[in-house]
Amino acid sequence: MIHALFSGVITFFIAVAVGSPIVNYLRRQKIGKEISEYLPEHQHKAGTPTFGGFIIWLPTFVVTAVAVDWWKHQSILLPLGMIGITMAAGFVDDLGTLQHRAQKGLSWRFKITFTALFAVAAAVVLYEYIEVESINIPYVGSYSLGLFYIPLAAGIIVATTSAVAVSDGMDGLAGGTTLIAFIAYGIVGFIQGQEFVATFAFIIAGSTLGFLWYNAHPARVIMGDTGALALGSSLAVIALMTGQWLLLPVIGIVFVAEMGSNLIQIGYFKLSGGKRVFKRAPFHHHLNLIGWAETQVVTRFWLVSIVAAMAGVALALEVPD
């Protein structure tokens, strides 16, 4: 556990160190994000540099190569691979959200289809090679799912990736909530004796903390889908590697609320002929419009995430051997 914690600490300092030159470079190149016209209350953020996800992932790859015995635990290459794939897709999408650019970002259909293809591949690896094809139910026990595990695991990866990306809409929101979730799964991994999983989770937590140094309100940089898609996909894979994926909706309750509000809004809008349940979706925008300050929304979502993470870890301890 000491090794895992120190790995996270070191990654934090590296992320803070590389963050400043990255932000300064993005500013010099005028790589600013365009804010949707449907978010007038956030127009003051237009021009804030995006691609902040690189502050998370560059230190993560460097420290993982040194701190994790990946040649002994080759399964760690799976979440690393998913980070690389979804980060690349996020980078292309972020290019289309820049100010004064003619091209548009990737459509949500393409992003889901793209993620789903690689999610199926990841699920096959989890089933065939890592052999974590079970469901762990608190107070009940662990049960093998057989081949049904593959579509289920793929669906979890796609859903988590999308939900984290949807949550990325306020300074510190996606970063803070994923940080808490990674710490929770790091603790779960350590309890299980999977120290390499715990180390990797704390490495991502440390780099995300370093990113939050620059993303704290008012943000100097935005993670963009370069950060958010990869955070979501890697969180899902780590949850699946621990076998405690059933607790992901608990530990990631904010992501469930955010994605759920989006689906409810879209579904009700279509069924009702244009009516809305929320003033705006996802849920953090609704709260902002009914009077919550951005910092209040983010801080309270962090608090909910901390309580949910505590509950999730507690439930993980209640799975009988």
Protein backbone atom coordinates (compact mmCIF):
# COMPACT_ATOMS: atom_id res chain seq x y z
CA MET A 1 0.00 0.00 0.00
CA ILE A 2 2.91 2.34 0.75
CA HIS A 3 4.26 1.82 -2.76
CA ALA A 4 0.84 2.55 -4.28
CA LEU A 5 0.37 5.73 -2.25
CA PHE A 6 3.87 7.06 -2.96
CA SER A 7 3.34 6.33 -6.67
CA GLY A 8 0.27 8.55 -6.58
CA VAL A 9 2.16 11.28 -4.73
CA ILE A 10 5.00 11.25 -7.25
CA THR A 11 2.54 11.34 -10.16
CA PHE A 12 0.83 14.37 -8.64
CA PHE A 13 4.07 16.35 -8.51
CA ILE A 14 4.98 15.35 -12.07
CA ALA A 15 1.51 16.39 -13.29
CA VAL A 16 1.83 19.78 -11.59
CA ALA A 17 5.31 20.20 -13.07
CA VAL A 18 4.29 19.39 -16.66
CA GLY A 19 0.94 21.17 -16.34
CA SER A 20 2.31 24.69 -16.40
CA PRO A 21 4.27 24.37 -19.67
CA ILE A 22 1.36 22.51 -21.27
CA VAL A 23 -1.13 25.23 -20.30
CA ASN A 24 1.26 27.99 -21.40
CA TYR A 25 1.82 26.26 -24.75
CA LEU A 26 -1.92 25.87 -25.33
CA ARG A 27 -2.43 29.55 -24.53
CA ARG A 28 0.33 30.65 -26.89
CA GLN A 29 -1.17 28.55 -29.67
CA LYS A 30 -4.63 29.99 -28.86
CA ILE A 31 -6.10 26.50 -28.58
CA GLY A 32 -9.28 27.67 -26.89
CA LYS A 33 -12.53 25.80 -26.51
CA GLU A 34 -15.71 27.08 -28.14
CA ILE A 35 -18.68 27.11 -25.75
CA SER A 36 -22.08 26.07 -27.07
CA GLU A 37 -24.55 28.86 -27.73
CA TYR A 38 -27.00 26.86 -25.61
CA LEU A 39 -24.89 27.59 -22.53
CA PRO A 40 -25.01 31.40 -22.31
CA GLU A 41 -24.11 31.39 -18.61
CA HIS A 42 -20.79 29.74 -19.47
CA GLN A 43 -19.77 31.94 -22.39
CA HIS A 44 -17.16 33.66 -20.23
CA LYS A 45 -15.22 30.39 -20.42
CA ALA A 46 -14.90 30.57 -24.21
CA GLY A 47 -11.26 30.47 -25.22
CA THR A 48 -10.12 28.46 -22.19
CA PRO A 49 -7.48 25.99 -23.43
CA THR A 50 -8.65 22.42 -23.89
CA PHE A 51 -6.60 19.19 -24.27
CA GLY A 52 -5.92 19.32 -20.53
CA GLY A 53 -6.22 15.54 -20.52
CA PHE A 54 -2.56 15.40 -21.51
CA ILE A 55 -1.71 16.67 -18.01
CA ILE A 56 -3.36 13.50 -16.70
CA TRP A 57 -2.09 10.92 -19.15
CA LEU A 58 1.53 11.86 -19.77
CA PRO A 59 2.49 11.40 -16.08
CA THR A 60 0.27 8.31 -15.85
CA PHE A 61 2.12 6.50 -18.64
CA VAL A 62 5.56 7.55 -17.36
CA VAL A 63 5.02 6.55 -13.72
CA THR A 64 3.18 3.33 -14.64
CA ALA A 65 6.15 2.25 -16.77
CA VAL A 66 8.41 2.62 -13.74
CA ALA A 67 6.22 1.88 -10.71
CA VAL A 68 4.08 -1.03 -11.95
CA ASP A 69 5.69 -4.40 -12.73
CA TRP A 70 3.78 -4.61 -16.00
CA TRP A 71 6.01 -7.43 -17.28
CA LYS A 72 4.76 -9.52 -14.35
CA HIS A 73 1.21 -8.16 -14.42
CA GLN A 74 0.58 -7.79 -18.13
CA SER A 75 -3.14 -7.34 -17.52
CA ILE A 76 -2.36 -3.69 -16.67
CA LEU A 77 -1.73 -3.19 -20.38
CA LEU A 78 -5.48 -3.50 -20.93
CA PRO A 79 -6.51 -0.28 -19.15
CA LEU A 80 -3.44 1.43 -20.60
CA GLY A 81 -4.55 0.38 -24.06
CA MET A 82 -8.09 1.63 -23.47
CA ILE A 83 -6.67 4.95 -22.28
CA GLY A 84 -4.65 5.30 -25.46
CA ILE A 85 -7.56 4.41 -27.74
CA THR A 86 -10.19 6.60 -26.09
CA MET A 87 -7.70 9.43 -25.59
CA ALA A 88 -7.02 9.42 -29.34
CA ALA A 89 -10.75 9.57 -30.10
CA GLY A 90 -11.15 12.36 -27.56
CA PHE A 91 -8.28 14.30 -29.10
CA VAL A 92 -9.92 14.20 -32.54
CA ASP A 93 -13.24 15.24 -31.03
CA ASP A 94 -11.62 18.13 -29.13
CA LEU A 95 -10.13 19.43 -32.37
CA GLY A 96 -13.68 20.05 -33.54
CA THR A 97 -14.59 22.08 -30.46
CA LEU A 98 -11.90 24.72 -30.89
CA GLN A 99 -12.70 28.31 -31.63
CA HIS A 100 -12.47 29.50 -35.23
CA ARG A 101 -12.20 25.98 -36.67
CA ALA A 102 -14.29 24.84 -39.60
CA GLN A 103 -14.37 21.14 -38.74
CA LYS A 104 -16.82 19.74 -36.23
CA GLY A 105 -16.24 17.25 -33.46
CA LEU A 106 -17.14 13.57 -33.66
CA SER A 107 -20.83 12.72 -33.49
CA TRP A 108 -22.09 10.97 -30.39
CA ARG A 109 -23.10 8.00 -32.56
CA PHE A 110 -19.56 7.62 -33.84
CA LYS A 111 -18.04 7.93 -30.37
CA ILE A 112 -20.37 5.29 -28.93
CA THR A 113 -19.80 2.93 -31.87
CA PHE A 114 -16.04 3.44 -31.71
CA THR A 115 -15.95 2.86 -27.96
CA ALA A 116 -18.23 -0.18 -28.26
CA LEU A 117 -15.92 -1.92 -30.74
CA PHE A 118 -12.92 -1.66 -28.47
CA ALA A 119 -15.05 -2.34 -25.39
CA VAL A 120 -16.00 -5.73 -26.84
CA ALA A 121 -12.31 -6.47 -27.47
CA ALA A 122 -11.49 -5.46 -23.88
CA ALA A 123 -14.31 -7.65 -22.57
CA VAL A 124 -12.95 -10.66 -24.46
CA VAL A 125 -9.51 -10.06 -22.92
CA LEU A 126 -11.06 -9.79 -19.46
CA TYR A 127 -12.94 -13.05 -20.01
CA GLU A 128 -10.32 -15.14 -21.79
CA TYR A 129 -7.02 -13.97 -20.31
CA ILE A 130 -7.63 -12.14 -17.05
CA GLU A 131 -10.48 -14.51 -16.08
CA VAL A 132 -12.60 -12.13 -14.04
CA GLU A 133 -15.93 -13.24 -15.48
CA SER A 134 -17.91 -13.29 -12.27
CA ILE A 135 -20.38 -11.12 -10.42
CA ASN A 136 -19.64 -10.31 -6.78
CA ILE A 137 -22.79 -9.61 -4.79
CA PRO A 138 -22.46 -8.12 -1.28
CA TYR A 139 -23.80 -10.41 1.48
CA VAL A 140 -24.48 -13.14 -1.10
CA GLY A 141 -21.34 -14.30 -2.86
CA SER A 142 -19.54 -14.59 -6.18
CA TYR A 143 -21.03 -16.31 -9.24
CA SER A 144 -19.63 -17.08 -12.67
CA LEU A 145 -21.44 -15.46 -15.59
CA GLY A 146 -19.87 -17.43 -18.43
CA LEU A 147 -20.06 -15.94 -21.92
CA PHE A 148 -22.76 -13.50 -20.81
CA TYR A 149 -19.94 -11.61 -19.12
CA ILE A 150 -18.58 -10.37 -22.47
CA PRO A 151 -21.57 -8.24 -23.61
CA LEU A 152 -22.15 -7.15 -20.01
CA ALA A 153 -18.55 -5.98 -19.55
CA ALA A 154 -18.60 -4.22 -22.93
CA GLY A 155 -21.79 -2.41 -21.95
CA ILE A 156 -20.24 -1.31 -18.65
CA ILE A 157 -17.23 0.17 -20.45
CA VAL A 158 -19.38 2.05 -22.98
CA ALA A 159 -21.79 3.33 -20.33
CA THR A 160 -19.05 4.49 -17.94
CA THR A 161 -17.05 6.16 -20.69
CA SER A 162 -20.11 8.07 -21.87
CA ALA A 163 -21.27 8.98 -18.35
CA VAL A 164 -17.93 10.47 -17.32
CA ALA A 165 -17.78 12.48 -20.54
CA VAL A 166 -21.29 13.83 -19.91
CA SER A 167 -20.21 14.88 -16.41
CA ASP A 168 -17.40 17.04 -17.76
CA GLY A 169 -19.17 20.39 -17.81
CA MET A 170 -17.95 22.45 -14.85
CA ASP A 171 -14.56 23.34 -13.40
CA GLY A 172 -13.35 20.41 -11.33
CA LEU A 173 -16.50 18.31 -11.70
CA ALA A 174 -15.38 15.32 -13.77
CA GLY A 175 -11.85 15.50 -12.39
CA GLY A 176 -12.90 15.51 -8.75
CA THR A 177 -15.54 12.80 -9.02
CA THR A 178 -13.33 10.41 -11.02
CA LEU A 179 -10.47 11.07 -8.61
CA ILE A 180 -12.63 9.84 -5.73
CA ALA A 181 -13.77 6.78 -7.70
CA PHE A 182 -10.19 5.79 -8.55
CA ILE A 183 -9.16 6.10 -4.91
CA ALA A 184 -12.08 3.85 -3.93
CA TYR A 185 -11.09 1.18 -6.45
CA GLY A 186 -7.47 1.54 -5.41
CA ILE A 187 -8.51 0.63 -1.87
CA VAL A 188 -10.57 -2.29 -3.19
CA GLY A 189 -7.62 -3.53 -5.23
CA PHE A 190 -5.34 -3.40 -2.20
CA ILE A 191 -7.87 -5.26 -0.04
CA GLN A 192 -7.96 -7.99 -2.69
CA GLY A 193 -4.18 -8.26 -2.76
CA GLN A 194 -3.98 -6.81 -6.27
CA GLU A 195 -1.37 -4.21 -5.39
CA PHE A 196 -0.55 -3.53 -9.04
CA VAL A 197 -4.20 -2.55 -9.64
CA ALA A 198 -4.16 -0.39 -6.53
CA THR A 199 -0.93 1.26 -7.66
CA PHE A 200 -2.31 2.00 -11.11
CA ALA A 201 -5.53 3.44 -9.64
CA PHE A 202 -3.55 5.71 -7.30
CA ILE A 203 -1.29 6.78 -10.17
CA ILE A 204 -4.34 7.98 -12.12
CA ALA A 205 -5.68 9.60 -8.95
CA GLY A 206 -2.39 11.45 -8.47
CA SER A 207 -2.26 12.70 -12.04
CA THR A 208 -5.89 13.79 -11.84
CA LEU A 209 -5.08 15.74 -8.69
CA GLY A 210 -2.28 17.44 -10.62
CA PHE A 211 -4.72 18.32 -13.38
CA LEU A 212 -7.15 19.78 -10.84
CA TRP A 213 -4.39 22.18 -9.78
CA TYR A 214 -4.99 23.93 -13.11
CA ASN A 215 -8.66 23.07 -13.51
CA ALA A 216 -9.76 24.54 -10.16
CA HIS A 217 -12.32 27.32 -10.56
CA PRO A 218 -11.75 29.49 -12.52
CA ALA A 219 -10.13 26.87 -14.72
CA ARG A 220 -6.94 27.64 -16.60
CA VAL A 221 -7.44 24.53 -18.72
CA ILE A 222 -10.24 22.08 -19.59
CA MET A 223 -9.60 18.33 -19.81
CA GLY A 224 -11.80 17.89 -22.89
CA ASP A 225 -12.71 14.47 -24.22
CA THR A 226 -8.97 13.81 -24.39
CA GLY A 227 -9.23 13.42 -20.65
CA ALA A 228 -12.85 12.49 -19.99
CA LEU A 229 -13.27 9.55 -22.39
CA ALA A 230 -10.05 7.94 -21.18
CA LEU A 231 -10.94 8.50 -17.52
CA GLY A 232 -14.27 6.77 -18.05
CA SER A 233 -12.91 3.80 -19.99
CA SER A 234 -10.03 3.18 -17.58
CA LEU A 235 -12.31 3.47 -14.53
CA ALA A 236 -14.63 0.84 -16.02
CA VAL A 237 -11.78 -1.54 -16.84
CA ILE A 238 -10.26 -1.21 -13.36
CA ALA A 239 -13.68 -1.87 -11.80
CA LEU A 240 -14.01 -4.99 -13.96
CA MET A 241 -10.49 -6.16 -13.08
CA THR A 242 -11.35 -6.04 -9.37
CA GLY A 243 -14.56 -7.98 -10.01
CA GLN A 244 -16.44 -5.28 -8.09
CA TRP A 245 -18.12 -3.74 -11.13
CA LEU A 246 -21.56 -4.19 -9.60
CA LEU A 247 -20.61 -1.40 -7.17
CA LEU A 248 -19.67 1.00 -9.97
CA PRO A 249 -23.14 2.66 -9.97
CA VAL A 250 -22.71 3.21 -6.22
CA ILE A 251 -19.16 4.54 -6.29
CA GLY A 252 -19.96 6.49 -9.46
CA ILE A 253 -23.41 7.66 -8.39
CA VAL A 254 -22.78 11.16 -9.77
CA PHE A 255 -22.10 9.69 -13.22
CA VAL A 256 -25.34 7.71 -13.00
CA ALA A 257 -27.29 10.86 -12.11
CA GLU A 258 -25.65 12.87 -14.89
CA MET A 259 -26.17 10.27 -17.61
CA GLY A 260 -29.63 9.41 -16.31
CA SER A 261 -30.74 13.04 -16.47
CA ASN A 262 -29.57 13.21 -20.08
CA LEU A 263 -31.49 10.08 -21.07
CA ILE A 264 -34.63 11.21 -19.22
CA GLN A 265 -34.49 14.65 -20.84
CA ILE A 266 -34.05 13.27 -24.36
CA GLY A 267 -36.68 10.56 -23.95
CA TYR A 268 -39.30 12.86 -22.42
CA PHE A 269 -38.60 15.56 -25.01
CA LYS A 270 -39.33 13.14 -27.84
CA LEU A 271 -42.35 11.50 -26.21
CA SER A 272 -43.98 14.75 -25.08
CA GLY A 273 -43.41 16.67 -28.28
CA GLY A 274 -40.89 19.15 -26.93
CA LYS A 275 -41.45 19.31 -23.16
CA ARG A 276 -38.59 19.00 -20.67
CA VAL A 277 -38.17 17.50 -17.21
CA PHE A 278 -35.06 19.55 -16.35
CA LYS A 279 -34.31 23.15 -17.21
CA ARG A 280 -31.25 21.78 -18.96
CA ALA A 281 -29.44 18.44 -18.99
CA PRO A 282 -27.18 17.02 -17.73
CA PHE A 283 -28.16 17.55 -14.12
CA HIS A 284 -25.33 19.92 -13.15
CA HIS A 285 -26.67 22.51 -15.61
CA HIS A 286 -30.18 22.17 -14.15
CA LEU A 287 -28.86 22.86 -10.66
CA ASN A 288 -26.91 25.85 -11.95
CA LEU A 289 -30.04 27.30 -13.55
CA ILE A 290 -32.17 26.94 -10.41
CA GLY A 291 -29.68 29.01 -8.44
CA TRP A 292 -26.76 26.85 -7.37
CA ALA A 293 -23.41 28.48 -8.03
CA GLU A 294 -20.96 26.44 -10.10
CA THR A 295 -18.67 25.99 -7.11
CA GLN A 296 -21.62 24.80 -5.00
CA VAL A 297 -22.60 22.19 -7.60
CA VAL A 298 -19.05 20.88 -7.90
CA THR A 299 -18.33 20.81 -4.16
CA ARG A 300 -21.62 19.09 -3.34
CA PHE A 301 -21.08 16.52 -6.09
CA TRP A 302 -17.66 15.83 -4.58
CA LEU A 303 -19.26 15.34 -1.17
CA VAL A 304 -21.83 12.93 -2.58
CA SER A 305 -19.02 11.08 -4.38
CA ILE A 306 -17.02 10.71 -1.16
CA VAL A 307 -20.00 9.28 0.73
CA ALA A 308 -20.81 6.97 -2.19
CA ALA A 309 -17.19 5.78 -2.38
CA MET A 310 -17.21 5.00 1.35
CA ALA A 311 -20.41 3.00 0.90
CA GLY A 312 -19.01 1.20 -2.14
CA VAL A 313 -15.82 0.13 -0.38
CA ALA A 314 -17.85 -1.01 2.63
CA LEU A 315 -20.08 -3.14 0.40
CA ALA A 316 -17.03 -4.60 -1.36
CA LEU A 317 -15.91 -5.90 2.05
CA GLU A 318 -19.25 -7.65 2.47
CA VAL A 319 -18.81 -10.10 -0.41
CA PRO A 320 -18.37 -13.58 1.16
CA ASP A 321 -15.31 -15.59 0.12
